[in-house]
Amino acid sequence: MKKKTDRVLLFDRSKYIWLIAGLGLTAIGFLLMIGGGGAGTTEFSEDIFSFRRLTLAPFVVLAGYGMQIYAILKKTTNQADTPEQKKTAMAPRPTPAVKKHK
């Protein structure tokens, strides 16, 4: 019987939390941009040039994207812990035999 080796996942719980928080922050930023239209098609509303829509919302969206990038680049904490697991994780994988054609 072969010994079952533990697999190392690319994303652990903390990475998922950061990723979901970044997605939520990005969604909040887009929600902050909503609105500001006039009452009719012939009226102009100055509300589209508010601080919330021009400055705050894009900053919140970029912060959300930054959190998502951080979540992707963050080092995974569920790496191999024991020396045996480290040996297994660092061991070179056997290469398949290649037949040479003449």
PDB file of N, CA and C in Angstrom:
ATOM      1  N   MET A   1       0.830  -1.190   0.000  1.00  0.00           N
ATOM      2  CA  MET A   1       0.000   0.000   0.000  1.00  0.00           C
ATOM      3  C   MET A   1       0.869   1.245   0.000  1.00  0.00           C
ATOM      4  N   LYS A   2       0.404   2.205  -0.742  1.00  0.00           N
ATOM      5  CA  LYS A   2       1.129   3.470  -0.776  1.00  0.00           C
ATOM      6  C   LYS A   2       0.701   4.335   0.383  1.00  0.00           C
ATOM      7  N   LYS A   3       1.661   5.068   0.885  1.00  0.00           N
ATOM      8  CA  LYS A   3       1.384   5.988   1.982  1.00  0.00           C
ATOM      9  C   LYS A   3       0.749   7.255   1.408  1.00  0.00           C
ATOM     10  N   LYS A   4      -0.365   7.662   1.985  1.00  0.00           N
ATOM     11  CA  LYS A   4      -1.062   8.852   1.509  1.00  0.00           C
ATOM     12  C   LYS A   4      -0.324  10.098   2.001  1.00  0.00           C
ATOM     13  N   THR A   5       0.032  10.966   1.064  1.00  0.00           N
ATOM     14  CA  THR A   5       0.739  12.187   1.437  1.00  0.00           C
ATOM     15  C   THR A   5      -0.259  13.323   1.583  1.00  0.00           C
ATOM     16  N   ASP A   6       0.038  14.229   2.484  1.00  0.00           N
ATOM     17  CA  ASP A   6      -0.813  15.396   2.686  1.00  0.00           C
ATOM     18  C   ASP A   6      -0.560  16.399   1.572  1.00  0.00           C
ATOM     19  N   ARG A   7      -1.631  16.919   1.048  1.00  0.00           N
ATOM     20  CA  ARG A   7      -1.498  17.923   0.002  1.00  0.00           C
ATOM     21  C   ARG A   7      -1.468  19.310   0.623  1.00  0.00           C
ATOM     22  N   VAL A   8      -0.700  20.164   0.026  1.00  0.00           N
ATOM     23  CA  VAL A   8      -0.620  21.544   0.481  1.00  0.00           C
ATOM     24  C   VAL A   8      -1.533  22.372  -0.419  1.00  0.00           C
ATOM     25  N   LEU A   9      -2.497  23.053   0.180  1.00  0.00           N
ATOM     26  CA  LEU A   9      -3.427  23.867  -0.580  1.00  0.00           C
ATOM     27  C   LEU A   9      -2.827  25.234  -0.868  1.00  0.00           C
ATOM     28  N   LEU A  10      -3.194  25.807  -1.986  1.00  0.00           N
ATOM     29  CA  LEU A  10      -2.682  27.131  -2.339  1.00  0.00           C
ATOM     30  C   LEU A  10      -3.337  28.229  -1.523  1.00  0.00           C
ATOM     31  N   PHE A  11      -4.625  28.056  -1.198  1.00  0.00           N
ATOM     32  CA  PHE A  11      -5.350  29.054  -0.425  1.00  0.00           C
ATOM     33  C   PHE A  11      -5.799  28.434   0.884  1.00  0.00           C
ATOM     34  N   ASP A  12      -5.480  29.088   1.981  1.00  0.00           N
ATOM     35  CA  ASP A  12      -5.951  28.633   3.289  1.00  0.00           C
ATOM     36  C   ASP A  12      -7.056  29.581   3.763  1.00  0.00           C
ATOM     37  N   ARG A  13      -7.512  29.373   4.980  1.00  0.00           N
ATOM     38  CA  ARG A  13      -8.658  30.138   5.496  1.00  0.00           C
ATOM     39  C   ARG A  13      -8.392  31.644   5.521  1.00  0.00           C
ATOM     40  N   SER A  14      -7.217  32.049   5.971  1.00  0.00           N
ATOM     41  CA  SER A  14      -6.939  33.489   6.065  1.00  0.00           C
ATOM     42  C   SER A  14      -6.887  34.147   4.685  1.00  0.00           C
ATOM     43  N   LYS A  15      -6.392  33.423   3.678  1.00  0.00           N
ATOM     44  CA  LYS A  15      -6.370  33.978   2.329  1.00  0.00           C
ATOM     45  C   LYS A  15      -7.779  34.173   1.792  1.00  0.00           C
ATOM     46  N   TYR A  16      -8.665  33.213   2.075  1.00  0.00           N
ATOM     47  CA  TYR A  16     -10.052  33.355   1.632  1.00  0.00           C
ATOM     48  C   TYR A  16     -10.738  34.522   2.336  1.00  0.00           C
ATOM     49  N   ILE A  17     -10.446  34.718   3.607  1.00  0.00           N
ATOM     50  CA  ILE A  17     -11.037  35.843   4.340  1.00  0.00           C
ATOM     51  C   ILE A  17     -10.594  37.166   3.718  1.00  0.00           C
ATOM     52  N   TRP A  18      -9.300  37.314   3.428  1.00  0.00           N
ATOM     53  CA  TRP A  18      -8.788  38.529   2.791  1.00  0.00           C
ATOM     54  C   TRP A  18      -9.420  38.726   1.413  1.00  0.00           C
ATOM     55  N   LEU A  19      -9.562  37.632   0.654  1.00  0.00           N
ATOM     56  CA  LEU A  19     -10.115  37.725  -0.689  1.00  0.00           C
ATOM     57  C   LEU A  19     -11.577  38.159  -0.657  1.00  0.00           C
ATOM     58  N   ILE A  20     -12.366  37.568   0.238  1.00  0.00           N
ATOM     59  CA  ILE A  20     -13.779  37.927   0.340  1.00  0.00           C
ATOM     60  C   ILE A  20     -13.942  39.358   0.856  1.00  0.00           C
ATOM     61  N   ALA A  21     -13.080  39.765   1.799  1.00  0.00           N
ATOM     62  CA  ALA A  21     -13.136  41.147   2.287  1.00  0.00           C
ATOM     63  C   ALA A  21     -12.805  42.127   1.158  1.00  0.00           C
ATOM     64  N   GLY A  22     -11.844  41.796   0.335  1.00  0.00           N
ATOM     65  CA  GLY A  22     -11.506  42.649  -0.807  1.00  0.00           C
ATOM     66  C   GLY A  22     -12.635  42.730  -1.809  1.00  0.00           C
ATOM     67  N   LEU A  23     -13.305  41.605  -2.060  1.00  0.00           N
ATOM     68  CA  LEU A  23     -14.455  41.620  -2.963  1.00  0.00           C
ATOM     69  C   LEU A  23     -15.575  42.476  -2.396  1.00  0.00           C
ATOM     70  N   GLY A  24     -15.813  42.368  -1.090  1.00  0.00           N
ATOM     71  CA  GLY A  24     -16.851  43.184  -0.447  1.00  0.00           C
ATOM     72  C   GLY A  24     -16.532  44.664  -0.515  1.00  0.00           C
ATOM     73  N   LEU A  25     -15.267  45.009  -0.275  1.00  0.00           N
ATOM     74  CA  LEU A  25     -14.858  46.412  -0.330  1.00  0.00           C
ATOM     75  C   LEU A  25     -14.988  46.971  -1.747  1.00  0.00           C
ATOM     76  N   THR A  26     -14.658  46.160  -2.734  1.00  0.00           N
ATOM     77  CA  THR A  26     -14.820  46.583  -4.124  1.00  0.00           C
ATOM     78  C   THR A  26     -16.291  46.813  -4.445  1.00  0.00           C
ATOM     79  N   ALA A  27     -17.160  45.927  -3.982  1.00  0.00           N
ATOM     80  CA  ALA A  27     -18.598  46.083  -4.217  1.00  0.00           C
ATOM     81  C   ALA A  27     -19.132  47.340  -3.537  1.00  0.00           C
ATOM     82  N   ILE A  28     -18.667  47.616  -2.322  1.00  0.00           N
ATOM     83  CA  ILE A  28     -19.084  48.837  -1.621  1.00  0.00           C
ATOM     84  C   ILE A  28     -18.653  50.073  -2.405  1.00  0.00           C
ATOM     85  N   GLY A  29     -17.445  50.039  -2.965  1.00  0.00           N
ATOM     86  CA  GLY A  29     -16.975  51.167  -3.768  1.00  0.00           C
ATOM     87  C   GLY A  29     -17.850  51.412  -4.984  1.00  0.00           C
ATOM     88  N   PHE A  30     -18.259  50.340  -5.648  1.00  0.00           N
ATOM     89  CA  PHE A  30     -19.134  50.518  -6.803  1.00  0.00           C
ATOM     90  C   PHE A  30     -20.521  50.985  -6.384  1.00  0.00           C
ATOM     91  N   LEU A  31     -20.992  50.537  -5.235  1.00  0.00           N
ATOM     92  CA  LEU A  31     -22.284  51.020  -4.743  1.00  0.00           C
ATOM     93  C   LEU A  31     -22.239  52.512  -4.404  1.00  0.00           C
ATOM     94  N   LEU A  32     -21.077  52.992  -3.952  1.00  0.00           N
ATOM     95  CA  LEU A  32     -20.939  54.415  -3.654  1.00  0.00           C
ATOM     96  C   LEU A  32     -21.014  55.279  -4.919  1.00  0.00           C
ATOM     97  N   MET A  33     -20.733  54.690  -6.077  1.00  0.00           N
ATOM     98  CA  MET A  33     -20.780  55.448  -7.332  1.00  0.00           C
ATOM     99  C   MET A  33     -22.184  55.569  -7.896  1.00  0.00           C
ATOM    100  N   ILE A  34     -23.129  54.807  -7.377  1.00  0.00           N
ATOM    101  CA  ILE A  34     -24.482  54.788  -7.933  1.00  0.00           C
ATOM    102  C   ILE A  34     -25.199  56.115  -7.682  1.00  0.00           C
ATOM    103  N   GLY A  35     -26.030  56.500  -8.642  1.00  0.00           N
ATOM    104  CA  GLY A  35     -26.918  57.646  -8.460  1.00  0.00           C
ATOM    105  C   GLY A  35     -26.373  58.931  -9.021  1.00  0.00           C
ATOM    106  N   GLY A  36     -27.052  60.003  -8.687  1.00  0.00           N
ATOM    107  CA  GLY A  36     -26.610  61.325  -9.093  1.00  0.00           C
ATOM    108  C   GLY A  36     -27.222  61.820 -10.369  1.00  0.00           C
ATOM    109  N   GLY A  37     -28.174  61.082 -10.914  1.00  0.00           N
ATOM    110  CA  GLY A  37     -28.803  61.514 -12.148  1.00  0.00           C
ATOM    111  C   GLY A  37     -29.840  62.597 -11.894  1.00  0.00           C
ATOM    112  N   GLY A  38     -30.229  63.277 -12.923  1.00  0.00           N
ATOM    113  CA  GLY A  38     -31.239  64.316 -12.822  1.00  0.00           C
ATOM    114  C   GLY A  38     -32.632  63.719 -12.714  1.00  0.00           C
ATOM    115  N   ALA A  39     -33.620  64.578 -12.411  1.00  0.00           N
ATOM    116  CA  ALA A  39     -35.005  64.120 -12.286  1.00  0.00           C
ATOM    117  C   ALA A  39     -35.576  63.746 -13.650  1.00  0.00           C
ATOM    118  N   GLY A  40     -35.133  64.369 -14.684  1.00  0.00           N
ATOM    119  CA  GLY A  40     -35.616  64.074 -16.032  1.00  0.00           C
ATOM    120  C   GLY A  40     -34.454  64.081 -17.004  1.00  0.00           C
ATOM    121  N   THR A  41     -34.790  63.868 -18.253  1.00  0.00           N
ATOM    122  CA  THR A  41     -33.720  63.843 -19.256  1.00  0.00           C
ATOM    123  C   THR A  41     -33.271  65.239 -19.665  1.00  0.00           C
ATOM    124  N   THR A  42     -34.073  66.247 -19.336  1.00  0.00           N
ATOM    125  CA  THR A  42     -33.704  67.609 -19.725  1.00  0.00           C
ATOM    126  C   THR A  42     -33.049  68.391 -18.599  1.00  0.00           C
ATOM    127  N   GLU A  43     -33.002  67.821 -17.403  1.00  0.00           N
ATOM    128  CA  GLU A  43     -32.407  68.513 -16.256  1.00  0.00           C
ATOM    129  C   GLU A  43     -31.012  67.978 -15.976  1.00  0.00           C
ATOM    130  N   PHE A  44     -30.140  68.874 -15.529  1.00  0.00           N
ATOM    131  CA  PHE A  44     -28.773  68.494 -15.169  1.00  0.00           C
ATOM    132  C   PHE A  44     -28.630  68.566 -13.658  1.00  0.00           C
ATOM    133  N   SER A  45     -28.011  67.572 -13.088  1.00  0.00           N
ATOM    134  CA  SER A  45     -27.817  67.544 -11.642  1.00  0.00           C
ATOM    135  C   SER A  45     -26.332  67.672 -11.317  1.00  0.00           C
ATOM    136  N   GLU A  46     -26.001  68.592 -10.436  1.00  0.00           N
ATOM    137  CA  GLU A  46     -24.619  68.776  -9.997  1.00  0.00           C
ATOM    138  C   GLU A  46     -24.176  67.669  -9.038  1.00  0.00           C
ATOM    139  N   ASP A  47     -25.114  66.816  -8.629  1.00  0.00           N
ATOM    140  CA  ASP A  47     -24.817  65.769  -7.654  1.00  0.00           C
ATOM    141  C   ASP A  47     -23.843  64.723  -8.202  1.00  0.00           C
ATOM    142  N   ILE A  48     -23.688  64.650  -9.513  1.00  0.00           N
ATOM    143  CA  ILE A  48     -22.760  63.657 -10.066  1.00  0.00           C
ATOM    144  C   ILE A  48     -21.304  64.033  -9.795  1.00  0.00           C
ATOM    145  N   PHE A  49     -21.071  65.275  -9.421  1.00  0.00           N
ATOM    146  CA  PHE A  49     -19.709  65.723  -9.141  1.00  0.00           C
ATOM    147  C   PHE A  49     -19.418  65.776  -7.641  1.00  0.00           C
ATOM    148  N   SER A  50     -20.105  64.963  -6.851  1.00  0.00           N
ATOM    149  CA  SER A  50     -19.900  64.993  -5.399  1.00  0.00           C
ATOM    150  C   SER A  50     -18.590  64.305  -5.019  1.00  0.00           C
ATOM    151  N   PHE A  51     -18.124  64.622  -3.824  1.00  0.00           N
ATOM    152  CA  PHE A  51     -16.897  64.017  -3.293  1.00  0.00           C
ATOM    153  C   PHE A  51     -17.027  62.500  -3.221  1.00  0.00           C
ATOM    154  N   ARG A  52     -18.191  62.022  -2.853  1.00  0.00           N
ATOM    155  CA  ARG A  52     -18.404  60.580  -2.702  1.00  0.00           C
ATOM    156  C   ARG A  52     -18.195  59.840  -4.018  1.00  0.00           C
ATOM    157  N   ARG A  53     -18.700  60.394  -5.110  1.00  0.00           N
ATOM    158  CA  ARG A  53     -18.632  59.711  -6.398  1.00  0.00           C
ATOM    159  C   ARG A  53     -17.294  59.898  -7.112  1.00  0.00           C
ATOM    160  N   LEU A  54     -16.663  61.035  -6.954  1.00  0.00           N
ATOM    161  CA  LEU A  54     -15.427  61.306  -7.687  1.00  0.00           C
ATOM    162  C   LEU A  54     -14.160  60.929  -6.934  1.00  0.00           C
ATOM    163  N   THR A  55     -14.205  60.921  -5.616  1.00  0.00           N
ATOM    164  CA  THR A  55     -12.983  60.691  -4.851  1.00  0.00           C
ATOM    165  C   THR A  55     -13.077  59.461  -3.961  1.00  0.00           C
ATOM    166  N   LEU A  56     -14.099  59.401  -3.138  1.00  0.00           N
ATOM    167  CA  LEU A  56     -14.198  58.324  -2.155  1.00  0.00           C
ATOM    168  C   LEU A  56     -14.421  56.965  -2.804  1.00  0.00           C
ATOM    169  N   ALA A  57     -15.367  56.869  -3.719  1.00  0.00           N
ATOM    170  CA  ALA A  57     -15.706  55.584  -4.331  1.00  0.00           C
ATOM    171  C   ALA A  57     -14.530  54.966  -5.102  1.00  0.00           C
ATOM    172  N   PRO A  58     -13.822  55.705  -5.955  1.00  0.00           N
ATOM    173  CA  PRO A  58     -12.674  55.092  -6.636  1.00  0.00           C
ATOM    174  C   PRO A  58     -11.575  54.657  -5.663  1.00  0.00           C
ATOM    175  N   PHE A  59     -11.377  55.434  -4.594  1.00  0.00           N
ATOM    176  CA  PHE A  59     -10.384  55.045  -3.596  1.00  0.00           C
ATOM    177  C   PHE A  59     -10.781  53.733  -2.913  1.00  0.00           C
ATOM    178  N   VAL A  60     -12.062  53.566  -2.594  1.00  0.00           N
ATOM    179  CA  VAL A  60     -12.542  52.348  -1.951  1.00  0.00           C
ATOM    180  C   VAL A  60     -12.416  51.163  -2.910  1.00  0.00           C
ATOM    181  N   VAL A  61     -12.714  51.365  -4.182  1.00  0.00           N
ATOM    182  CA  VAL A  61     -12.571  50.292  -5.176  1.00  0.00           C
ATOM    183  C   VAL A  61     -11.107  49.864  -5.292  1.00  0.00           C
ATOM    184  N   LEU A  62     -10.202  50.829  -5.366  1.00  0.00           N
ATOM    185  CA  LEU A  62      -8.774  50.492  -5.467  1.00  0.00           C
ATOM    186  C   LEU A  62      -8.272  49.802  -4.204  1.00  0.00           C
ATOM    187  N   ALA A  63      -8.777  50.203  -3.047  1.00  0.00           N
ATOM    188  CA  ALA A  63      -8.405  49.527  -1.800  1.00  0.00           C
ATOM    189  C   ALA A  63      -8.890  48.078  -1.822  1.00  0.00           C
ATOM    190  N   GLY A  64     -10.074  47.849  -2.363  1.00  0.00           N
ATOM    191  CA  GLY A  64     -10.590  46.486  -2.484  1.00  0.00           C
ATOM    192  C   GLY A  64      -9.730  45.646  -3.412  1.00  0.00           C
ATOM    193  N   TYR A  65      -9.333  46.222  -4.540  1.00  0.00           N
ATOM    194  CA  TYR A  65      -8.440  45.498  -5.452  1.00  0.00           C
ATOM    195  C   TYR A  65      -7.092  45.223  -4.786  1.00  0.00           C
ATOM    196  N   GLY A  66      -6.601  46.170  -4.010  1.00  0.00           N
ATOM    197  CA  GLY A  66      -5.342  45.962  -3.291  1.00  0.00           C
ATOM    198  C   GLY A  66      -5.446  44.820  -2.292  1.00  0.00           C
ATOM    199  N   MET A  67      -6.584  44.719  -1.594  1.00  0.00           N
ATOM    200  CA  MET A  67      -6.776  43.613  -0.649  1.00  0.00           C
ATOM    201  C   MET A  67      -6.807  42.275  -1.388  1.00  0.00           C
ATOM    202  N   GLN A  68      -7.401  42.246  -2.565  1.00  0.00           N
ATOM    203  CA  GLN A  68      -7.451  41.008  -3.326  1.00  0.00           C
ATOM    204  C   GLN A  68      -6.062  40.596  -3.808  1.00  0.00           C
ATOM    205  N   ILE A  69      -5.282  41.557  -4.258  1.00  0.00           N
ATOM    206  CA  ILE A  69      -3.913  41.254  -4.685  1.00  0.00           C
ATOM    207  C   ILE A  69      -3.090  40.770  -3.503  1.00  0.00           C
ATOM    208  N   TYR A  70      -3.261  41.410  -2.341  1.00  0.00           N
ATOM    209  CA  TYR A  70      -2.561  40.967  -1.140  1.00  0.00           C
ATOM    210  C   TYR A  70      -2.940  39.532  -0.786  1.00  0.00           C
ATOM    211  N   ALA A  71      -4.227  39.201  -0.909  1.00  0.00           N
ATOM    212  CA  ALA A  71      -4.686  37.848  -0.588  1.00  0.00           C
ATOM    213  C   ALA A  71      -4.054  36.821  -1.508  1.00  0.00           C
ATOM    214  N   ILE A  72      -3.883  37.166  -2.762  1.00  0.00           N
ATOM    215  CA  ILE A  72      -3.289  36.228  -3.711  1.00  0.00           C
ATOM    216  C   ILE A  72      -1.796  36.059  -3.450  1.00  0.00           C
ATOM    217  N   LEU A  73      -1.100  37.147  -3.137  1.00  0.00           N
ATOM    218  CA  LEU A  73       0.352  37.089  -2.965  1.00  0.00           C
ATOM    219  C   LEU A  73       0.799  36.706  -1.558  1.00  0.00           C
ATOM    220  N   LYS A  74      -0.133  36.677  -0.607  1.00  0.00           N
ATOM    221  CA  LYS A  74       0.201  36.356   0.781  1.00  0.00           C
ATOM    222  C   LYS A  74       0.736  34.930   0.886  1.00  0.00           C
ATOM    223  N   LYS A  75       1.732  34.739   1.727  1.00  0.00           N
ATOM    224  CA  LYS A  75       2.319  33.418   1.890  1.00  0.00           C
ATOM    225  C   LYS A  75       1.335  32.491   2.593  1.00  0.00           C
ATOM    226  N   THR A  76       1.211  31.276   2.092  1.00  0.00           N
ATOM    227  CA  THR A  76       0.294  30.301   2.668  1.00  0.00           C
ATOM    228  C   THR A  76       0.870  29.769   3.968  1.00  0.00           C
ATOM    229  N   THR A  77       0.017  29.633   4.984  1.00  0.00           N
ATOM    230  CA  THR A  77       0.480  29.178   6.288  1.00  0.00           C
ATOM    231  C   THR A  77       0.348  27.678   6.479  1.00  0.00           C
ATOM    232  N   ASN A  78      -0.267  26.953   5.552  1.00  0.00           N
ATOM    233  CA  ASN A  78      -0.438  25.518   5.734  1.00  0.00           C
ATOM    234  C   ASN A  78       0.632  24.717   4.999  1.00  0.00           C
ATOM    235  N   GLN A  79       1.841  25.224   4.983  1.00  0.00           N
ATOM    236  CA  GLN A  79       2.947  24.512   4.366  1.00  0.00           C
ATOM    237  C   GLN A  79       3.319  23.301   5.200  1.00  0.00           C
ATOM    238  N   ALA A  80       4.179  22.445   4.674  1.00  0.00           N
ATOM    239  CA  ALA A  80       4.607  21.244   5.383  1.00  0.00           C
ATOM    240  C   ALA A  80       5.313  21.635   6.677  1.00  0.00           C
ATOM    241  N   ASP A  81       4.897  21.035   7.795  1.00  0.00           N
ATOM    242  CA  ASP A  81       5.426  21.412   9.098  1.00  0.00           C
ATOM    243  C   ASP A  81       6.483  20.436   9.611  1.00  0.00           C
ATOM    244  N   THR A  82       6.258  19.161   9.466  1.00  0.00           N
ATOM    245  CA  THR A  82       7.189  18.178  10.000  1.00  0.00           C
ATOM    246  C   THR A  82       8.326  17.949   9.019  1.00  0.00           C
ATOM    247  N   PRO A  83       9.476  17.482   9.510  1.00  0.00           N
ATOM    248  CA  PRO A  83      10.591  17.223   8.592  1.00  0.00           C
ATOM    249  C   PRO A  83      10.243  16.197   7.516  1.00  0.00           C
ATOM    250  N   GLU A  84       9.418  15.188   7.868  1.00  0.00           N
ATOM    251  CA  GLU A  84       9.033  14.196   6.867  1.00  0.00           C
ATOM    252  C   GLU A  84       8.179  14.824   5.776  1.00  0.00           C
ATOM    253  N   GLN A  85       7.279  15.718   6.165  1.00  0.00           N
ATOM    254  CA  GLN A  85       6.444  16.386   5.181  1.00  0.00           C
ATOM    255  C   GLN A  85       7.280  17.316   4.308  1.00  0.00           C
ATOM    256  N   LYS A  86       8.277  17.962   4.918  1.00  0.00           N
ATOM    257  CA  LYS A  86       9.144  18.831   4.135  1.00  0.00           C
ATOM    258  C   LYS A  86       9.935  18.028   3.110  1.00  0.00           C
ATOM    259  N   LYS A  87      10.431  16.838   3.518  1.00  0.00           N
ATOM    260  CA  LYS A  87      11.162  15.991   2.581  1.00  0.00           C
ATOM    261  C   LYS A  87      10.262  15.579   1.434  1.00  0.00           C
ATOM    262  N   THR A  88       9.024  15.208   1.757  1.00  0.00           N
ATOM    263  CA  THR A  88       8.092  14.779   0.725  1.00  0.00           C
ATOM    264  C   THR A  88       7.759  15.932  -0.203  1.00  0.00           C
ATOM    265  N   ALA A  89       7.567  17.114   0.359  1.00  0.00           N
ATOM    266  CA  ALA A  89       7.202  18.268  -0.455  1.00  0.00           C
ATOM    267  C   ALA A  89       8.358  18.728  -1.326  1.00  0.00           C
ATOM    268  N   MET A  90       9.599  18.574  -0.824  1.00  0.00           N
ATOM    269  CA  MET A  90      10.765  19.050  -1.554  1.00  0.00           C
ATOM    270  C   MET A  90      11.376  17.990  -2.462  1.00  0.00           C
ATOM    271  N   ALA A  91      10.940  16.737  -2.343  1.00  0.00           N
ATOM    272  CA  ALA A  91      11.531  15.660  -3.137  1.00  0.00           C
ATOM    273  C   ALA A  91      11.211  15.875  -4.609  1.00  0.00           C
ATOM    274  N   PRO A  92      12.207  15.624  -5.462  1.00  0.00           N
ATOM    275  CA  PRO A  92      11.941  15.779  -6.893  1.00  0.00           C
ATOM    276  C   PRO A  92      10.988  14.691  -7.370  1.00  0.00           C
ATOM    277  N   ARG A  93      10.133  15.055  -8.262  1.00  0.00           N
ATOM    278  CA  ARG A  93       9.190  14.081  -8.809  1.00  0.00           C
ATOM    279  C   ARG A  93       9.877  13.288  -9.911  1.00  0.00           C
ATOM    280  N   PRO A  94       9.583  11.998  -9.984  1.00  0.00           N
ATOM    281  CA  PRO A  94      10.228  11.203 -11.040  1.00  0.00           C
ATOM    282  C   PRO A  94       9.718  11.630 -12.407  1.00  0.00           C
ATOM    283  N   THR A  95      10.631  11.682 -13.350  1.00  0.00           N
ATOM    284  CA  THR A  95      10.250  12.060 -14.704  1.00  0.00           C
ATOM    285  C   THR A  95       9.894  10.797 -15.475  1.00  0.00           C
ATOM    286  N   PRO A  96       8.904  10.865 -16.322  1.00  0.00           N
ATOM    287  CA  PRO A  96       8.534   9.683 -17.091  1.00  0.00           C
ATOM    288  C   PRO A  96       9.614   9.359 -18.122  1.00  0.00           C
ATOM    289  N   ALA A  97       9.748   8.074 -18.392  1.00  0.00           N
ATOM    290  CA  ALA A  97      10.745   7.636 -19.359  1.00  0.00           C
ATOM    291  C   ALA A  97      10.315   8.097 -20.751  1.00  0.00           C
ATOM    292  N   VAL A  98      11.269   8.636 -21.486  1.00  0.00           N
ATOM    293  CA  VAL A  98      11.000   9.134 -22.828  1.00  0.00           C
ATOM    294  C   VAL A  98      11.645   8.199 -23.821  1.00  0.00           C
ATOM    295  N   LYS A  99      10.851   7.708 -24.736  1.00  0.00           N
ATOM    296  CA  LYS A  99      11.384   6.830 -25.771  1.00  0.00           C
ATOM    297  C   LYS A  99      11.914   7.686 -26.925  1.00  0.00           C
ATOM    298  N   LYS A 100      13.096   7.311 -27.378  1.00  0.00           N
ATOM    299  CA  LYS A 100      13.687   8.022 -28.512  1.00  0.00           C
ATOM    300  C   LYS A 100      13.315   7.311 -29.794  1.00  0.00           C
ATOM    301  N   HIS A 101      12.823   8.060 -30.723  1.00  0.00           N
ATOM    302  CA  HIS A 101      12.466   7.487 -32.034  1.00  0.00           C
ATOM    303  C   HIS A 101      13.643   7.643 -32.958  1.00  0.00           C
ATOM    304  N   LYS A 102      13.844   6.616 -33.755  1.00  0.00           N
ATOM    305  CA  LYS A 102      14.963   6.671 -34.718  1.00  0.00           C
ATOM    306  C   LYS A 102      14.495   6.993 -36.092  1.00  0.00           C
TER     307      LYS A 102
END
